[in-house]
């Protein structure tokens, strides 16, 4: 294969895994929730076989699928972006990253206060949109930073752009990232800038993630080390802390991400284009917006035929997800522990049911084999089954 496009529909899970209850999730199913919305229309994904995947009996089944398809189980002990993407790239994490359901301890906060010279507000799990309404006025009056977490392994810093300039906020995130090591190695430090006035604060697109470096080489490193192109679109560069990429571009949301991905489909390269579409998770899953999530999926589906038309004989596209974030699940606003879909398409792809796979890492093993690069991963390649 010459070019492989790996597109992550961030948080598009397809049903609770057997251990979901131990993660606090009962009866969750992100895609099924969207299927109940009048805003959902997925004729192109259904033609490829999305409705044929095990358990996806709420979408249309086709007797003549145009792609290969599978249900993927997560082998890692997590349900967050970092661990999910690492596993897609071949690295299974048997131990969860640290979380802070009661807020961060003083041994974390005190060095951060000393390094930044600012006080701290909140320090608890919060919805990102709610925490700035609760503490925004006090932050603007004092300059203290809004520090909060979630059910995921994150250290988030919210600040008004007129109170803490973006570059200063980013520097504070660099400080936190350097300090959060050892037992406090959170998956991501996230800058959460916002604007507005009292009662009307809104987050801006200037979010920036500072991820923990993968503990071992991933698919991206293998591709780069082989002298091939390893292109990151969206927050992929941040998720892997820049490791293993030869080129990257940030996006302003799904629509921009789709446009940039279409641009890469018109370019001549040899290797991987790894894409994350974040709006599914950030704008609709966490905010429990079923119709918004359904509209975003419909937008992706409508974009798909034009993209597939640009693929050559030696190209593949893989469409998957990194975890769930059921927009109908009101017990929490956090990610949900779910199986994820896999759709594989391309002119040389043999349509077939790949069944249920034991790990997201099967994607990495398959991409590595398709590109002829060496990768140490527990994933099992399915390349010979589809070409």
Protein backbone atom coordinates (compact mmCIF):
# COMPACT_ATOMS: atom_id res chain seq x y z
CA UNK A 1 0.00 0.00 0.00
CA UNK A 2 1.11 3.55 -0.67
CA UNK A 3 -1.23 5.78 1.32
CA UNK A 4 -3.33 4.91 4.38
CA UNK A 5 -5.82 7.32 5.90
CA UNK A 6 -6.71 6.49 9.51
CA UNK A 7 -9.69 8.60 10.61
CA UNK A 8 -10.81 8.65 14.25
CA UNK A 9 -14.39 9.73 14.89
CA UNK A 10 -13.51 10.84 18.40
CA UNK A 11 -15.77 9.05 20.93
CA UNK A 12 -18.06 7.22 18.46
CA UNK A 13 -18.54 4.06 20.53
CA UNK A 14 -20.98 1.33 19.53
CA UNK A 15 -22.00 -0.26 22.81
CA UNK A 16 -20.88 -1.05 26.34
CA UNK A 17 -17.98 -3.45 26.81
CA UNK A 18 -18.47 -6.30 29.32
CA UNK A 19 -16.47 -4.41 31.97
CA UNK A 20 -18.24 -1.08 31.43
CA UNK A 21 -19.96 -1.12 34.82
CA UNK A 22 -16.58 -1.17 36.57
CA UNK A 23 -15.87 2.12 34.78
CA UNK A 24 -19.17 3.57 35.99
CA UNK A 25 -21.03 3.08 32.71
CA UNK A 26 -24.30 1.15 32.47
CA UNK A 27 -26.12 0.48 29.19
CA UNK A 28 -24.12 3.05 27.21
CA UNK A 29 -24.07 3.15 23.41
CA UNK A 30 -23.01 6.35 21.67
CA UNK A 31 -24.03 5.44 18.12
CA UNK A 32 -27.34 3.93 19.20
CA UNK A 33 -28.19 7.19 20.99
CA UNK A 34 -27.55 9.07 17.75
CA UNK A 35 -29.63 6.57 15.78
CA UNK A 36 -32.64 7.76 17.75
CA UNK A 37 -32.21 11.31 16.43
CA UNK A 38 -34.12 12.55 13.36
CA UNK A 39 -30.91 14.35 12.39
CA UNK A 40 -28.98 11.13 11.62
CA UNK A 41 -28.50 9.94 8.04
CA UNK A 42 -25.62 7.55 7.27
CA UNK A 43 -26.31 5.98 3.86
CA UNK A 44 -22.65 5.90 2.81
CA UNK A 45 -21.33 4.36 6.02
CA UNK A 46 -24.18 1.86 5.91
CA UNK A 47 -23.20 0.90 2.35
CA UNK A 48 -19.68 0.23 3.62
CA UNK A 49 -21.05 -2.08 6.32
CA UNK A 50 -21.49 0.00 9.48
CA UNK A 51 -24.92 -1.53 10.11
CA UNK A 52 -23.49 -5.03 9.62
CA UNK A 53 -21.10 -4.76 12.58
CA UNK A 54 -21.91 -7.05 15.48
CA UNK A 55 -24.39 -5.34 17.81
CA UNK A 56 -25.16 -2.43 15.47
CA UNK A 57 -28.69 -3.64 14.77
CA UNK A 58 -30.14 -0.12 14.98
CA UNK A 59 -28.73 0.88 11.56
CA UNK A 60 -29.53 -0.52 8.11
CA UNK A 61 -27.93 -3.86 7.25
CA UNK A 62 -26.72 -4.38 3.68
CA UNK A 63 -26.42 -7.70 1.86
CA UNK A 64 -23.63 -6.35 -0.33
CA UNK A 65 -21.26 -4.24 1.82
CA UNK A 66 -18.65 -2.20 -0.04
CA UNK A 67 -16.06 -2.41 2.76
CA UNK A 68 -14.64 -4.61 5.47
CA UNK A 69 -15.91 -4.06 8.99
CA UNK A 70 -15.36 -5.14 12.59
CA UNK A 71 -16.18 -4.44 16.21
CA UNK A 72 -13.07 -3.60 18.25
CA UNK A 73 -12.66 -4.19 21.98
CA UNK A 74 -10.29 -2.03 23.98
CA UNK A 75 -7.56 -4.09 25.62
CA UNK A 76 -6.17 -1.16 27.62
CA UNK A 77 -7.54 -0.26 31.04
CA UNK A 78 -9.02 3.09 30.18
CA UNK A 79 -11.65 5.02 28.28
CA UNK A 80 -9.78 8.21 27.49
CA UNK A 81 -8.35 9.82 24.39
CA UNK A 82 -4.69 9.21 25.16
CA UNK A 83 -4.91 5.50 25.96
CA UNK A 84 -7.38 4.92 23.10
CA UNK A 85 -5.13 6.52 20.48
CA UNK A 86 -2.03 4.84 21.87
CA UNK A 87 -3.77 1.49 21.46
CA UNK A 88 -4.85 2.34 17.90
CA UNK A 89 -1.15 3.00 17.30
CA UNK A 90 -0.15 -0.39 18.71
CA UNK A 91 0.53 0.28 22.40
CA UNK A 92 -1.70 -1.47 24.95
CA UNK A 93 -1.77 0.07 28.45
CA UNK A 94 -2.50 -2.52 31.16
CA UNK A 95 -2.53 0.11 33.91
CA UNK A 96 -4.85 3.13 33.92
CA UNK A 97 -3.46 6.64 34.00
CA UNK A 98 -4.03 8.48 37.32
CA UNK A 99 -7.36 10.19 37.92
CA UNK A 100 -8.43 12.58 40.66
CA UNK A 101 -12.10 12.22 41.66
CA UNK A 102 -11.46 14.35 44.77
CA UNK A 103 -9.24 16.95 43.09
CA UNK A 104 -5.47 17.23 43.07
CA UNK A 105 -3.47 16.83 46.31
CA UNK A 106 -1.31 19.60 47.73
CA UNK A 107 1.84 17.81 46.59
CA UNK A 108 0.66 18.58 43.03
CA UNK A 109 -0.82 22.04 43.59
CA UNK A 110 1.84 23.66 45.77
CA UNK A 111 4.72 23.40 43.24
CA UNK A 112 2.37 24.65 40.52
CA UNK A 113 1.32 27.69 42.59
CA UNK A 114 4.95 28.48 43.35
CA UNK A 115 6.01 28.21 39.71
CA UNK A 116 3.16 30.33 38.32
CA UNK A 117 2.74 32.80 41.17
CA UNK A 118 -1.03 32.40 40.95
CA UNK A 119 -3.69 30.95 43.19
CA UNK A 120 -5.98 28.07 42.26
CA UNK A 121 -9.76 27.87 42.02
CA UNK A 122 -12.11 24.86 41.69
CA UNK A 123 -9.74 21.84 41.98
CA UNK A 124 -12.39 19.17 41.44
CA UNK A 125 -13.97 17.24 38.58
CA UNK A 126 -16.09 19.69 36.58
CA UNK A 127 -17.84 20.15 33.29
CA UNK A 128 -15.67 22.58 31.35
CA UNK A 129 -18.57 24.82 30.40
CA UNK A 130 -19.99 24.88 33.94
CA UNK A 131 -16.74 25.53 35.78
CA UNK A 132 -16.08 28.80 33.98
CA UNK A 133 -19.58 30.05 34.84
CA UNK A 134 -19.04 29.10 38.49
CA UNK A 135 -15.54 30.54 38.91
CA UNK A 136 -15.18 32.95 35.98
CA UNK A 137 -15.97 36.10 37.95
CA UNK A 138 -13.56 35.24 40.76
CA UNK A 139 -10.88 34.36 38.24
CA UNK A 140 -11.30 37.70 36.45
CA UNK A 141 -11.16 39.59 39.75
CA UNK A 142 -8.14 37.80 41.23
CA UNK A 143 -6.20 36.29 38.33
CA UNK A 144 -6.27 32.93 40.08
CA UNK A 145 -6.30 29.97 37.68
CA UNK A 146 -9.28 27.63 37.34
CA UNK A 147 -7.75 24.16 37.71
CA UNK A 148 -10.05 21.18 37.31
CA UNK A 149 -10.18 17.57 36.17
CA UNK A 150 -12.77 15.02 35.02
CA UNK A 151 -13.19 11.26 35.10
CA UNK A 152 -10.30 11.17 32.63
CA UNK A 153 -6.62 11.55 33.42
CA UNK A 154 -6.43 15.30 32.81
CA UNK A 155 -5.12 18.46 34.50
CA UNK A 156 -7.08 21.31 32.93
CA UNK A 157 -6.33 25.01 33.30
CA UNK A 158 -9.03 27.51 32.35
CA UNK A 159 -8.27 31.22 32.06
CA UNK A 160 -9.87 34.25 30.45
CA UNK A 161 -7.87 35.41 27.45
CA UNK A 162 -8.02 39.03 28.68
CA UNK A 163 -6.74 38.04 32.14
CA UNK A 164 -4.10 35.47 31.18
CA UNK A 165 -2.74 35.91 27.62
CA UNK A 166 -2.71 32.73 25.56
CA UNK A 167 1.07 32.41 25.49
CA UNK A 168 1.18 32.75 29.27
CA UNK A 169 -1.52 30.09 29.68
CA UNK A 170 0.42 27.79 27.38
CA UNK A 171 3.56 28.38 29.43
CA UNK A 172 1.66 27.44 32.60
CA UNK A 173 0.65 24.20 30.87
CA UNK A 174 4.28 23.50 30.00
CA UNK A 175 5.12 23.99 33.69
CA UNK A 176 2.37 21.60 34.78
CA UNK A 177 3.38 19.02 32.20
CA UNK A 178 6.98 19.07 33.46
CA UNK A 179 5.85 18.73 37.07
CA UNK A 180 3.28 15.96 36.57
CA UNK A 181 5.57 12.94 36.49
CA UNK A 182 5.88 9.64 38.32
CA UNK A 183 2.68 8.63 40.07
CA UNK A 184 1.08 11.89 38.90
CA UNK A 185 1.76 11.34 35.18
CA UNK A 186 -1.64 12.42 33.91
CA UNK A 187 -2.47 11.68 30.31
CA UNK A 188 -2.99 15.28 29.31
CA UNK A 189 -2.53 18.81 30.55
CA UNK A 190 -5.07 20.96 28.71
CA UNK A 191 -5.21 24.73 28.20
CA UNK A 192 -8.87 25.83 28.29
CA UNK A 193 -9.02 29.53 27.39
CA UNK A 194 -12.34 31.37 27.47
CA UNK A 195 -13.78 34.82 26.77
CA UNK A 196 -16.94 36.78 27.57
CA UNK A 197 -18.48 38.56 30.52
CA UNK A 198 -20.16 37.52 33.77
CA UNK A 199 -22.87 34.97 33.10
CA UNK A 200 -21.84 34.67 29.45
CA UNK A 201 -18.41 33.05 29.44
CA UNK A 202 -17.63 30.81 26.46
CA UNK A 203 -14.63 28.64 25.62
CA UNK A 204 -12.57 29.55 22.57
CA UNK A 205 -11.02 27.30 19.87
CA UNK A 206 -7.56 28.04 21.31
CA UNK A 207 -7.48 24.89 23.42
CA UNK A 208 -4.11 23.15 23.46
CA UNK A 209 -3.23 19.68 24.77
CA UNK A 210 0.09 18.67 26.32
CA UNK A 211 0.17 14.90 26.34
CA UNK A 212 2.27 12.40 28.18
CA UNK A 213 4.86 10.90 25.88
CA UNK A 214 4.09 7.29 24.87
CA UNK A 215 6.25 4.98 27.00
CA UNK A 216 7.31 2.91 23.99
CA UNK A 217 7.59 3.42 20.22
CA UNK A 218 4.26 3.42 18.38
CA UNK A 219 3.12 2.92 14.80
CA UNK A 220 3.98 6.56 14.09
CA UNK A 221 7.60 6.02 15.16
CA UNK A 222 7.86 2.89 13.02
CA UNK A 223 6.60 4.72 9.94
CA UNK A 224 8.84 7.74 10.48
CA UNK A 225 11.90 5.57 11.21
CA UNK A 226 11.31 3.72 7.92
CA UNK A 227 11.59 7.02 6.05
CA UNK A 228 7.91 7.24 5.18
CA UNK A 229 5.43 10.06 5.75
CA UNK A 230 3.67 10.19 9.12
CA UNK A 231 1.12 13.00 8.87
CA UNK A 232 -0.95 14.15 11.86
CA UNK A 233 -4.23 16.03 11.38
CA UNK A 234 -6.07 17.66 14.29
CA UNK A 235 -4.97 16.82 17.81
CA UNK A 236 -2.99 13.70 16.80
CA UNK A 237 0.29 15.62 17.14
CA UNK A 238 -0.59 16.60 20.72
CA UNK A 239 -1.86 13.15 21.72
CA UNK A 240 1.50 11.63 20.83
CA UNK A 241 3.47 14.61 22.19
CA UNK A 242 4.85 15.13 18.69
CA UNK A 243 6.59 11.74 18.64
CA UNK A 244 6.72 9.92 15.34
CA UNK A 245 5.26 12.60 13.08
CA UNK A 246 6.90 14.06 10.01
CA UNK A 247 4.25 16.70 9.40
CA UNK A 248 1.27 18.02 11.32
CA UNK A 249 -1.60 20.45 10.98
CA UNK A 250 -4.09 21.57 13.59
CA UNK A 251 -7.79 21.97 12.85
CA UNK A 252 -10.54 24.29 14.07
CA UNK A 253 -13.16 21.55 14.24
CA UNK A 254 -14.65 18.73 12.21
CA UNK A 255 -15.45 20.75 9.08
CA UNK A 256 -11.92 22.11 8.92
CA UNK A 257 -10.52 18.64 9.63
CA UNK A 258 -12.50 17.14 6.76
CA UNK A 259 -11.30 19.88 4.43
CA UNK A 260 -7.67 19.33 5.38
CA UNK A 261 -8.02 15.55 5.05
CA UNK A 262 -9.49 16.00 1.56
CA UNK A 263 -6.49 18.17 0.75
CA UNK A 264 -4.11 15.39 1.77
CA UNK A 265 -6.09 12.96 -0.39
CA UNK A 266 -5.11 15.16 -3.34
CA UNK A 267 -1.41 15.01 -2.41
CA UNK A 268 1.22 12.48 -3.36
CA UNK A 269 2.74 10.93 -0.23
CA UNK A 270 3.83 7.50 0.96
CA UNK A 271 2.78 6.52 4.45
CA UNK A 272 0.06 7.35 6.96
CA UNK A 273 -2.31 10.29 7.36
CA UNK A 274 -3.71 10.00 10.91
CA UNK A 275 -6.80 12.18 11.49
CA UNK A 276 -8.75 13.04 14.64
CA UNK A 277 -12.20 14.66 14.34
CA UNK A 278 -12.70 16.13 17.81
CA UNK A 279 -16.11 17.79 17.64
CA UNK A 280 -17.99 14.52 18.16
CA UNK A 281 -16.47 14.29 21.63
CA UNK A 282 -15.80 17.88 22.64
CA UNK A 283 -18.92 19.64 21.35
CA UNK A 284 -21.57 16.92 21.42
CA UNK A 285 -20.62 13.89 23.52
CA UNK A 286 -19.47 15.72 26.65
CA UNK A 287 -22.27 18.27 26.30
CA UNK A 288 -24.83 15.47 25.94
CA UNK A 289 -26.16 16.87 22.67
CA UNK A 290 -27.69 13.92 20.82
CA UNK A 291 -28.94 15.88 17.80
CA UNK A 292 -25.66 17.78 17.47
CA UNK A 293 -23.72 14.50 17.50
CA UNK A 294 -26.10 13.05 14.90
CA UNK A 295 -25.70 16.10 12.64
CA UNK A 296 -21.90 15.83 12.88
CA UNK A 297 -22.02 12.16 11.88
CA UNK A 298 -24.33 13.06 9.00
CA UNK A 299 -21.83 15.71 7.86
CA UNK A 300 -19.04 13.14 7.87
CA UNK A 301 -21.15 10.65 5.93
CA UNK A 302 -22.00 13.23 3.25
CA UNK A 303 -18.29 14.13 2.93
CA UNK A 304 -17.20 10.52 2.52
CA UNK A 305 -18.02 9.82 -1.18
CA UNK A 306 -15.97 12.77 -2.43
CA UNK A 307 -13.04 11.65 -0.31
CA UNK A 308 -13.24 8.01 -1.44
CA UNK A 309 -13.28 9.17 -5.06
CA UNK A 310 -9.77 10.62 -4.54
CA UNK A 311 -8.25 7.35 -3.38
CA UNK A 312 -5.94 5.48 -5.75
CA UNK A 313 -5.51 1.77 -6.35
CA UNK A 314 -2.89 1.48 -3.59
CA UNK A 315 -4.74 3.51 -0.95
CA UNK A 316 -6.73 2.46 2.12
CA UNK A 317 -8.98 4.32 4.52
CA UNK A 318 -9.76 3.05 8.02
CA UNK A 319 -12.53 4.70 10.04
CA UNK A 320 -12.70 4.01 13.77
CA UNK A 321 -13.03 5.60 17.23
CA UNK A 322 -11.01 5.80 20.44
CA UNK A 323 -13.71 5.34 23.14
CA UNK A 324 -17.35 6.25 23.69
CA UNK A 325 -19.09 9.40 24.96
CA UNK A 326 -22.78 8.53 24.94
CA UNK A 327 -24.66 11.84 24.51
CA UNK A 328 -27.79 10.31 26.05
CA UNK A 329 -26.09 9.05 29.22
CA UNK A 330 -26.98 11.54 31.95
CA UNK A 331 -25.27 9.83 34.89
CA UNK A 332 -22.06 11.64 33.91
CA UNK A 333 -20.73 13.96 31.22
CA UNK A 334 -17.55 11.94 30.79
CA UNK A 335 -16.35 9.30 28.32
CA UNK A 336 -17.99 5.87 28.28
CA UNK A 337 -16.33 2.46 28.09
CA UNK A 338 -17.46 1.04 24.74
CA UNK A 339 -16.57 -1.09 21.77
CA UNK A 340 -15.66 0.97 18.70
CA UNK A 341 -16.39 0.41 15.01
CA UNK A 342 -13.90 -0.25 12.26
CA UNK A 343 -14.66 0.32 8.59
CA UNK A 344 -11.98 -0.36 5.95
CA UNK A 345 -12.48 0.87 2.39
CA UNK A 346 -10.49 1.26 -0.79
CA UNK A 347 -10.39 0.03 -4.36
CA UNK A 348 -8.40 -3.07 -3.37
CA UNK A 349 -10.39 -3.96 -0.25
CA UNK A 350 -12.26 -7.26 -0.17
CA UNK A 351 -15.61 -6.70 1.59
CA UNK A 352 -15.98 -8.98 4.58
CA UNK A 353 -16.94 -9.27 8.23
CA UNK A 354 -13.78 -9.22 10.34
CA UNK A 355 -15.80 -10.13 13.43
CA UNK A 356 -14.90 -8.89 16.87
CA UNK A 357 -11.24 -8.02 17.36
CA UNK A 358 -9.49 -8.21 20.71
CA UNK A 359 -7.69 -4.87 20.54
CA UNK A 360 -7.58 -1.52 18.78
CA UNK A 361 -3.92 -2.46 18.20
CA UNK A 362 -5.02 -4.72 15.33
CA UNK A 363 -5.25 -1.50 13.33
CA UNK A 364 -1.58 -0.70 13.97
CA UNK A 365 -0.47 -4.22 13.08
CA UNK A 366 -2.41 -4.05 9.81
CA UNK A 367 -1.13 -0.60 8.84
CA UNK A 368 2.45 -1.64 9.62
CA UNK A 369 2.15 -4.72 7.42
CA UNK A 370 0.49 -2.76 4.64
CA UNK A 371 3.31 -0.20 4.60
CA UNK A 372 6.04 -2.79 5.08
CA UNK A 373 7.39 -1.41 8.36
CA UNK A 374 8.43 -3.28 11.49
CA UNK A 375 6.34 -2.74 14.64
CA UNK A 376 6.43 -4.49 18.02
CA UNK A 377 2.75 -4.69 19.04
CA UNK A 378 0.36 -7.26 20.51
CA UNK A 379 -2.09 -6.39 17.73
CA UNK A 380 -2.90 -8.95 15.03
CA UNK A 381 -2.92 -7.87 11.40
CA UNK A 382 -6.00 -8.58 9.28
CA UNK A 383 -4.39 -7.37 6.03
CA UNK A 384 -4.42 -10.76 4.35
CA UNK A 385 -8.13 -11.06 5.06
CA UNK A 386 -9.06 -7.89 3.20
CA UNK A 387 -6.70 -7.61 0.19
